[in-house]
Amino acid sequence: MTSKSRKYPLARVYNQAQGICWLCERFVPLEQATRDHVIPLAWGGGWGWDNLRLAHQRCNQLRGDALRGEDKTEAAMLQWTRDRRPQVTRRYAVAVKKKKESDDGA
Protein backbone atom coordinates (compact mmCIF):
# COMPACT_ATOMS: atom_id res chain seq x y z
CA MET A 1 0.00 0.00 0.00
CA THR A 2 1.44 3.36 -1.04
CA SER A 3 1.33 6.46 1.13
CA LYS A 4 -1.19 7.99 -1.30
CA SER A 5 -3.43 4.92 -0.89
CA ARG A 6 -3.31 5.36 2.89
CA LYS A 7 -4.03 9.08 2.63
CA TYR A 8 -7.02 8.50 0.30
CA PRO A 9 -8.58 5.22 1.50
CA LEU A 10 -10.90 3.36 -0.84
CA ALA A 11 -13.44 2.99 1.96
CA ARG A 12 -13.89 6.77 2.16
CA VAL A 13 -14.22 7.12 -1.63
CA TYR A 14 -16.72 4.24 -1.58
CA ASN A 15 -18.79 5.81 1.19
CA GLN A 16 -18.80 9.25 -0.45
CA ALA A 17 -20.07 7.71 -3.70
CA GLN A 18 -22.58 5.56 -1.81
CA GLY A 19 -21.27 2.57 -3.76
CA ILE A 20 -22.12 3.99 -7.22
CA CYS A 21 -19.62 3.98 -10.10
CA TRP A 22 -19.16 7.49 -11.49
CA LEU A 23 -18.64 6.14 -15.02
CA CYS A 24 -21.55 3.75 -15.54
CA GLU A 25 -23.69 4.91 -12.59
CA ARG A 26 -24.31 1.37 -11.36
CA PHE A 27 -23.72 -0.22 -7.97
CA VAL A 28 -20.13 -1.36 -7.29
CA PRO A 29 -19.56 -4.39 -5.05
CA LEU A 30 -16.71 -3.52 -2.68
CA GLU A 31 -14.51 -6.30 -4.10
CA GLN A 32 -14.76 -4.66 -7.59
CA ALA A 33 -14.23 -1.08 -6.37
CA THR A 34 -11.29 1.14 -7.36
CA ARG A 35 -10.34 4.79 -7.01
CA ASP A 36 -10.42 6.62 -10.35
CA HIS A 37 -8.94 10.03 -11.11
CA VAL A 38 -11.40 12.44 -12.74
CA ILE A 39 -8.51 14.18 -14.48
CA PRO A 40 -6.04 11.31 -15.01
CA LEU A 41 -2.55 11.61 -13.56
CA ALA A 42 -1.24 11.45 -17.15
CA TRP A 43 -3.15 14.69 -17.86
CA GLY A 44 -1.76 16.42 -14.79
CA GLY A 45 -4.55 15.48 -12.38
CA GLY A 46 -3.68 15.14 -8.74
CA TRP A 47 -4.48 12.98 -5.75
CA GLY A 48 -6.87 15.42 -4.07
CA TRP A 49 -10.32 14.36 -2.89
CA ASP A 50 -11.89 16.53 -5.58
CA ASN A 51 -10.15 14.43 -8.25
CA LEU A 52 -11.00 10.94 -6.92
CA ARG A 53 -14.15 8.98 -7.73
CA LEU A 54 -15.38 5.44 -7.24
CA ALA A 55 -15.35 3.15 -10.29
CA HIS A 56 -15.72 -0.52 -11.11
CA GLN A 57 -12.34 -2.08 -11.77
CA ARG A 58 -13.54 -2.86 -15.32
CA CYS A 59 -14.83 0.69 -15.99
CA ASN A 60 -11.55 2.13 -14.71
CA GLN A 61 -9.53 -0.18 -16.99
CA LEU A 62 -11.68 0.61 -20.02
CA ARG A 63 -11.32 4.33 -19.44
CA GLY A 64 -7.55 4.18 -19.05
CA ASP A 65 -6.01 7.66 -19.07
CA ALA A 66 -8.71 9.16 -21.29
CA LEU A 67 -10.92 11.96 -20.09
CA ARG A 68 -14.53 10.97 -19.59
CA GLY A 69 -16.36 11.72 -22.81
CA GLU A 70 -13.56 10.98 -25.28
CA ASP A 71 -14.62 8.83 -28.22
CA LYS A 72 -12.60 5.73 -27.33
CA THR A 73 -13.87 5.79 -23.76
CA GLU A 74 -17.48 6.21 -24.81
CA ALA A 75 -17.25 3.28 -27.21
CA ALA A 76 -15.81 1.01 -24.53
CA MET A 77 -18.28 2.24 -21.92
CA LEU A 78 -21.22 1.73 -24.26
CA GLN A 79 -20.24 -1.88 -24.66
CA TRP A 80 -19.67 -2.31 -20.93
CA THR A 81 -22.92 -0.65 -19.83
CA ARG A 82 -25.11 -2.13 -22.58
CA ASP A 83 -25.86 1.09 -24.40
CA ARG A 84 -26.20 3.24 -21.31
CA ARG A 85 -24.07 6.21 -22.39
CA PRO A 86 -22.21 7.99 -19.57
CA GLN A 87 -23.05 11.68 -19.33
CA VAL A 88 -20.36 14.23 -19.99
CA THR A 89 -20.56 17.03 -17.45
CA ARG A 90 -19.56 20.61 -18.20
CA ARG A 91 -16.33 20.26 -16.21
CA TYR A 92 -15.09 17.35 -18.33
CA ALA A 93 -16.28 18.92 -21.57
CA VAL A 94 -14.20 22.03 -20.76
CA ALA A 95 -11.15 19.87 -19.99
CA VAL A 96 -11.54 17.98 -23.28
CA LYS A 97 -11.94 21.25 -25.20
CA LYS A 98 -8.78 22.70 -23.60
CA LYS A 99 -6.83 19.54 -24.43
CA LYS A 100 -7.99 19.60 -28.07
CA GLU A 101 -7.14 23.32 -28.36
CA SER A 102 -3.66 22.73 -26.94
CA ASP A 103 -3.13 19.83 -29.35
CA ASP A 104 -4.26 21.94 -32.32
CA GLY A 105 -2.00 24.83 -31.30
CA ALA A 106 1.10 22.67 -30.77
C-alpha atoms as a PDB file:
ATOM      1  CA  MET A   1       0.000   0.000   0.000  1.00  0.00           C
ATOM      2  CA  THR A   2       1.439   3.361  -1.038  1.00  0.00           C
ATOM      3  CA  SER A   3       1.334   6.464   1.128  1.00  0.00           C
ATOM      4  CA  LYS A   4      -1.191   7.990  -1.301  1.00  0.00           C
ATOM      5  CA  SER A   5      -3.429   4.918  -0.890  1.00  0.00           C
ATOM      6  CA  ARG A   6      -3.309   5.360   2.887  1.00  0.00           C
ATOM      7  CA  LYS A   7      -4.033   9.083   2.626  1.00  0.00           C
ATOM      8  CA  TYR A   8      -7.019   8.505   0.299  1.00  0.00           C
ATOM      9  CA  PRO A   9      -8.577   5.224   1.503  1.00  0.00           C
ATOM     10  CA  LEU A  10     -10.895   3.363  -0.840  1.00  0.00           C
ATOM     11  CA  ALA A  11     -13.441   2.992   1.963  1.00  0.00           C
ATOM     12  CA  ARG A  12     -13.887   6.770   2.165  1.00  0.00           C
ATOM     13  CA  VAL A  13     -14.218   7.119  -1.628  1.00  0.00           C
ATOM     14  CA  TYR A  14     -16.718   4.237  -1.585  1.00  0.00           C
ATOM     15  CA  ASN A  15     -18.795   5.812   1.190  1.00  0.00           C
ATOM     16  CA  GLN A  16     -18.804   9.248  -0.447  1.00  0.00           C
ATOM     17  CA  ALA A  17     -20.066   7.713  -3.701  1.00  0.00           C
ATOM     18  CA  GLN A  18     -22.578   5.565  -1.805  1.00  0.00           C
ATOM     19  CA  GLY A  19     -21.268   2.571  -3.765  1.00  0.00           C
ATOM     20  CA  ILE A  20     -22.123   3.992  -7.220  1.00  0.00           C
ATOM     21  CA  CYS A  21     -19.620   3.980 -10.099  1.00  0.00           C
ATOM     22  CA  TRP A  22     -19.164   7.492 -11.494  1.00  0.00           C
ATOM     23  CA  LEU A  23     -18.638   6.144 -15.021  1.00  0.00           C
ATOM     24  CA  CYS A  24     -21.552   3.748 -15.538  1.00  0.00           C
ATOM     25  CA  GLU A  25     -23.693   4.914 -12.591  1.00  0.00           C
ATOM     26  CA  ARG A  26     -24.306   1.366 -11.362  1.00  0.00           C
ATOM     27  CA  PHE A  27     -23.717  -0.223  -7.966  1.00  0.00           C
ATOM     28  CA  VAL A  28     -20.134  -1.359  -7.294  1.00  0.00           C
ATOM     29  CA  PRO A  29     -19.555  -4.392  -5.047  1.00  0.00           C
ATOM     30  CA  LEU A  30     -16.709  -3.520  -2.675  1.00  0.00           C
ATOM     31  CA  GLU A  31     -14.509  -6.297  -4.100  1.00  0.00           C
ATOM     32  CA  GLN A  32     -14.758  -4.661  -7.587  1.00  0.00           C
ATOM     33  CA  ALA A  33     -14.225  -1.085  -6.374  1.00  0.00           C
ATOM     34  CA  THR A  34     -11.288   1.142  -7.357  1.00  0.00           C
ATOM     35  CA  ARG A  35     -10.338   4.791  -7.015  1.00  0.00           C
ATOM     36  CA  ASP A  36     -10.422   6.623 -10.353  1.00  0.00           C
ATOM     37  CA  HIS A  37      -8.935  10.028 -11.110  1.00  0.00           C
ATOM     38  CA  VAL A  38     -11.399  12.443 -12.737  1.00  0.00           C
ATOM     39  CA  ILE A  39      -8.511  14.176 -14.475  1.00  0.00           C
ATOM     40  CA  PRO A  40      -6.040  11.308 -15.014  1.00  0.00           C
ATOM     41  CA  LEU A  41      -2.548  11.607 -13.564  1.00  0.00           C
ATOM     42  CA  ALA A  42      -1.238  11.446 -17.153  1.00  0.00           C
ATOM     43  CA  TRP A  43      -3.154  14.687 -17.861  1.00  0.00           C
ATOM     44  CA  GLY A  44      -1.762  16.425 -14.788  1.00  0.00           C
ATOM     45  CA  GLY A  45      -4.546  15.475 -12.384  1.00  0.00           C
ATOM     46  CA  GLY A  46      -3.680  15.144  -8.736  1.00  0.00           C
ATOM     47  CA  TRP A  47      -4.477  12.979  -5.751  1.00  0.00           C
ATOM     48  CA  GLY A  48      -6.868  15.422  -4.067  1.00  0.00           C
ATOM     49  CA  TRP A  49     -10.315  14.363  -2.891  1.00  0.00           C
ATOM     50  CA  ASP A  50     -11.887  16.534  -5.578  1.00  0.00           C
ATOM     51  CA  ASN A  51     -10.147  14.430  -8.250  1.00  0.00           C
ATOM     52  CA  LEU A  52     -10.999  10.943  -6.919  1.00  0.00           C
ATOM     53  CA  ARG A  53     -14.146   8.984  -7.732  1.00  0.00           C
ATOM     54  CA  LEU A  54     -15.384   5.439  -7.243  1.00  0.00           C
ATOM     55  CA  ALA A  55     -15.351   3.148 -10.287  1.00  0.00           C
ATOM     56  CA  HIS A  56     -15.724  -0.520 -11.105  1.00  0.00           C
ATOM     57  CA  GLN A  57     -12.343  -2.078 -11.771  1.00  0.00           C
ATOM     58  CA  ARG A  58     -13.536  -2.862 -15.316  1.00  0.00           C
ATOM     59  CA  CYS A  59     -14.834   0.690 -15.986  1.00  0.00           C
ATOM     60  CA  ASN A  60     -11.553   2.126 -14.708  1.00  0.00           C
ATOM     61  CA  GLN A  61      -9.527  -0.184 -16.986  1.00  0.00           C
ATOM     62  CA  LEU A  62     -11.677   0.609 -20.025  1.00  0.00           C
ATOM     63  CA  ARG A  63     -11.324   4.328 -19.444  1.00  0.00           C
ATOM     64  CA  GLY A  64      -7.549   4.185 -19.045  1.00  0.00           C
ATOM     65  CA  ASP A  65      -6.009   7.665 -19.067  1.00  0.00           C
ATOM     66  CA  ALA A  66      -8.714   9.156 -21.286  1.00  0.00           C
ATOM     67  CA  LEU A  67     -10.923  11.965 -20.089  1.00  0.00           C
ATOM     68  CA  ARG A  68     -14.528  10.971 -19.595  1.00  0.00           C
ATOM     69  CA  GLY A  69     -16.363  11.719 -22.810  1.00  0.00           C
ATOM     70  CA  GLU A  70     -13.565  10.984 -25.282  1.00  0.00           C
ATOM     71  CA  ASP A  71     -14.621   8.832 -28.219  1.00  0.00           C
ATOM     72  CA  LYS A  72     -12.596   5.730 -27.328  1.00  0.00           C
ATOM     73  CA  THR A  73     -13.870   5.792 -23.757  1.00  0.00           C
ATOM     74  CA  GLU A  74     -17.482   6.206 -24.811  1.00  0.00           C
ATOM     75  CA  ALA A  75     -17.252   3.276 -27.211  1.00  0.00           C
ATOM     76  CA  ALA A  76     -15.813   1.015 -24.532  1.00  0.00           C
ATOM     77  CA  MET A  77     -18.281   2.236 -21.919  1.00  0.00           C
ATOM     78  CA  LEU A  78     -21.222   1.734 -24.261  1.00  0.00           C
ATOM     79  CA  GLN A  79     -20.238  -1.884 -24.659  1.00  0.00           C
ATOM     80  CA  TRP A  80     -19.675  -2.313 -20.927  1.00  0.00           C
ATOM     81  CA  THR A  81     -22.917  -0.651 -19.826  1.00  0.00           C
ATOM     82  CA  ARG A  82     -25.114  -2.134 -22.580  1.00  0.00           C
ATOM     83  CA  ASP A  83     -25.864   1.092 -24.403  1.00  0.00           C
ATOM     84  CA  ARG A  84     -26.196   3.243 -21.309  1.00  0.00           C
ATOM     85  CA  ARG A  85     -24.066   6.211 -22.389  1.00  0.00           C
ATOM     86  CA  PRO A  86     -22.209   7.987 -19.575  1.00  0.00           C
ATOM     87  CA  GLN A  87     -23.054  11.678 -19.326  1.00  0.00           C
ATOM     88  CA  VAL A  88     -20.355  14.228 -19.993  1.00  0.00           C
ATOM     89  CA  THR A  89     -20.556  17.027 -17.453  1.00  0.00           C
ATOM     90  CA  ARG A  90     -19.556  20.608 -18.199  1.00  0.00           C
ATOM     91  CA  ARG A  91     -16.325  20.263 -16.205  1.00  0.00           C
ATOM     92  CA  TYR A  92     -15.095  17.350 -18.327  1.00  0.00           C
ATOM     93  CA  ALA A  93     -16.279  18.925 -21.569  1.00  0.00           C
ATOM     94  CA  VAL A  94     -14.203  22.028 -20.758  1.00  0.00           C
ATOM     95  CA  ALA A  95     -11.145  19.870 -19.987  1.00  0.00           C
ATOM     96  CA  VAL A  96     -11.542  17.978 -23.284  1.00  0.00           C
ATOM     97  CA  LYS A  97     -11.938  21.246 -25.199  1.00  0.00           C
ATOM     98  CA  LYS A  98      -8.782  22.699 -23.599  1.00  0.00           C
ATOM     99  CA  LYS A  99      -6.828  19.542 -24.433  1.00  0.00           C
ATOM    100  CA  LYS A 100      -7.989  19.603 -28.066  1.00  0.00           C
ATOM    101  CA  GLU A 101      -7.140  23.320 -28.358  1.00  0.00           C
ATOM    102  CA  SER A 102      -3.662  22.731 -26.937  1.00  0.00           C
ATOM    103  CA  ASP A 103      -3.130  19.829 -29.349  1.00  0.00           C
ATOM    104  CA  ASP A 104      -4.265  21.944 -32.323  1.00  0.00           C
ATOM    105  CA  GLY A 105      -2.000  24.832 -31.299  1.00  0.00           C
ATOM    106  CA  ALA A 106       1.103  22.673 -30.774  1.00  0.00           C
END
